[in-house]
């Protein structure tokens, strides 16, 4: 990874698009507030970017269908 560049909070505010473009090209920025480093702006690791979330809808479809009214289930559970 290349040398980390520095940017102030004000520069981040005024030039967000340019900084994000630079980060997408692999650059890393240290964000400073009044000369004190407070954050890093860096590209997302490719392994995390490629990881997909599980298919929630498919998981719900695999669950067994309950034919009972949910209010009745709560009623029975409370007694």
C-alpha atoms as a PDB file:
ATOM      1  CA  UNK A   1       0.000   0.000   0.000  1.00  0.00           C
ATOM      2  CA  UNK A   2       1.249   3.491  -0.795  1.00  0.00           C
ATOM      3  CA  UNK A   3       2.096   6.352   1.487  1.00  0.00           C
ATOM      4  CA  UNK A   4      -0.784   7.657   3.595  1.00  0.00           C
ATOM      5  CA  UNK A   5      -1.858  11.146   2.682  1.00  0.00           C
ATOM      6  CA  UNK A   6      -3.302  13.622   5.138  1.00  0.00           C
ATOM      7  CA  UNK A   7      -6.507  15.635   4.861  1.00  0.00           C
ATOM      8  CA  UNK A   8      -8.280  17.887   7.310  1.00  0.00           C
ATOM      9  CA  UNK A   9     -11.920  17.543   8.288  1.00  0.00           C
ATOM     10  CA  UNK A  10     -12.583  20.708   6.305  1.00  0.00           C
ATOM     11  CA  UNK A  11     -10.919  19.256   3.186  1.00  0.00           C
ATOM     12  CA  UNK A  12     -12.950  16.089   3.622  1.00  0.00           C
ATOM     13  CA  UNK A  13     -16.119  18.150   3.850  1.00  0.00           C
ATOM     14  CA  UNK A  14     -15.358  20.275   0.793  1.00  0.00           C
ATOM     15  CA  UNK A  15     -13.731  17.605  -1.410  1.00  0.00           C
ATOM     16  CA  UNK A  16     -15.495  14.387  -0.413  1.00  0.00           C
ATOM     17  CA  UNK A  17     -15.985  13.160  -3.967  1.00  0.00           C
ATOM     18  CA  UNK A  18     -12.339  13.681  -4.924  1.00  0.00           C
ATOM     19  CA  UNK A  19     -11.083  11.978  -1.762  1.00  0.00           C
ATOM     20  CA  UNK A  20     -13.415   9.011  -2.238  1.00  0.00           C
ATOM     21  CA  UNK A  21     -12.236   8.687  -5.848  1.00  0.00           C
ATOM     22  CA  UNK A  22      -8.622   8.672  -4.687  1.00  0.00           C
ATOM     23  CA  UNK A  23      -9.422   6.072  -2.032  1.00  0.00           C
ATOM     24  CA  UNK A  24     -11.145   3.871  -4.611  1.00  0.00           C
ATOM     25  CA  UNK A  25      -7.842   3.928  -6.534  1.00  0.00           C
ATOM     26  CA  UNK A  26      -6.041   2.535  -3.468  1.00  0.00           C
ATOM     27  CA  UNK A  27      -4.878   5.629  -1.604  1.00  0.00           C
ATOM     28  CA  UNK A  28      -5.238   5.925   2.168  1.00  0.00           C
ATOM     29  CA  UNK A  29      -5.965   9.211   3.907  1.00  0.00           C
ATOM     30  CA  UNK A  30      -5.483  10.120   7.559  1.00  0.00           C
ATOM     31  CA  UNK A  31      -8.160  12.621   8.533  1.00  0.00           C
ATOM     32  CA  UNK A  32      -6.977  15.244  11.002  1.00  0.00           C
ATOM     33  CA  UNK A  33      -8.923  17.592  13.220  1.00  0.00           C
ATOM     34  CA  UNK A  34      -6.836  20.535  14.407  1.00  0.00           C
ATOM     35  CA  UNK A  35      -3.660  18.636  13.542  1.00  0.00           C
ATOM     36  CA  UNK A  36      -4.640  15.501  15.488  1.00  0.00           C
ATOM     37  CA  UNK A  37      -5.325  12.304  13.504  1.00  0.00           C
ATOM     38  CA  UNK A  38      -8.919  11.173  14.175  1.00  0.00           C
ATOM     39  CA  UNK A  39      -9.744   8.706  11.386  1.00  0.00           C
ATOM     40  CA  UNK A  40      -8.477   6.802   8.381  1.00  0.00           C
ATOM     41  CA  UNK A  41     -10.198   6.683   5.031  1.00  0.00           C
ATOM     42  CA  UNK A  42      -9.118   3.551   3.202  1.00  0.00           C
ATOM     43  CA  UNK A  43     -10.440   1.175   0.524  1.00  0.00           C
ATOM     44  CA  UNK A  44     -12.581  -1.744   1.611  1.00  0.00           C
ATOM     45  CA  UNK A  45     -10.691  -5.018   1.558  1.00  0.00           C
ATOM     46  CA  UNK A  46     -11.590  -7.053  -1.497  1.00  0.00           C
ATOM     47  CA  UNK A  47     -12.434 -10.166   0.580  1.00  0.00           C
ATOM     48  CA  UNK A  48     -15.063  -8.241   2.565  1.00  0.00           C
ATOM     49  CA  UNK A  49     -16.384  -6.503  -0.543  1.00  0.00           C
ATOM     50  CA  UNK A  50     -16.937  -9.820  -2.317  1.00  0.00           C
ATOM     51  CA  UNK A  51     -18.654 -11.519   0.593  1.00  0.00           C
ATOM     52  CA  UNK A  52     -22.381 -11.865   0.054  1.00  0.00           C
ATOM     53  CA  UNK A  53     -25.063 -11.893   2.698  1.00  0.00           C
ATOM     54  CA  UNK A  54     -27.250 -14.987   3.029  1.00  0.00           C
ATOM     55  CA  UNK A  55     -30.499 -15.022   1.063  1.00  0.00           C
ATOM     56  CA  UNK A  56     -32.986 -14.046   3.772  1.00  0.00           C
ATOM     57  CA  UNK A  57     -36.039 -14.659   1.590  1.00  0.00           C
ATOM     58  CA  UNK A  58     -34.929 -18.222   0.786  1.00  0.00           C
ATOM     59  CA  UNK A  59     -34.348 -18.873   4.482  1.00  0.00           C
ATOM     60  CA  UNK A  60     -37.868 -17.640   5.322  1.00  0.00           C
ATOM     61  CA  UNK A  61     -39.380 -19.826   2.564  1.00  0.00           C
ATOM     62  CA  UNK A  62     -37.715 -22.907   4.117  1.00  0.00           C
ATOM     63  CA  UNK A  63     -39.345 -22.274   7.491  1.00  0.00           C
ATOM     64  CA  UNK A  64     -42.419 -24.409   8.224  1.00  0.00           C
ATOM     65  CA  UNK A  65     -45.781 -22.741   7.721  1.00  0.00           C
ATOM     66  CA  UNK A  66     -47.773 -22.186  10.898  1.00  0.00           C
ATOM     67  CA  UNK A  67     -51.527 -22.339  10.402  1.00  0.00           C
ATOM     68  CA  UNK A  68     -52.397 -21.078  13.886  1.00  0.00           C
ATOM     69  CA  UNK A  69     -53.244 -17.469  14.606  1.00  0.00           C
ATOM     70  CA  UNK A  70     -50.277 -15.715  16.250  1.00  0.00           C
ATOM     71  CA  UNK A  71     -52.618 -14.153  18.837  1.00  0.00           C
ATOM     72  CA  UNK A  72     -53.728 -17.630  19.889  1.00  0.00           C
ATOM     73  CA  UNK A  73     -50.100 -18.756  20.227  1.00  0.00           C
ATOM     74  CA  UNK A  74     -49.387 -15.791  22.526  1.00  0.00           C
ATOM     75  CA  UNK A  75     -52.531 -16.516  24.517  1.00  0.00           C
ATOM     76  CA  UNK A  76     -51.484 -20.134  25.065  1.00  0.00           C
ATOM     77  CA  UNK A  77     -47.949 -19.083  25.918  1.00  0.00           C
ATOM     78  CA  UNK A  78     -49.168 -16.689  28.639  1.00  0.00           C
ATOM     79  CA  UNK A  79     -51.245 -19.308  30.453  1.00  0.00           C
END
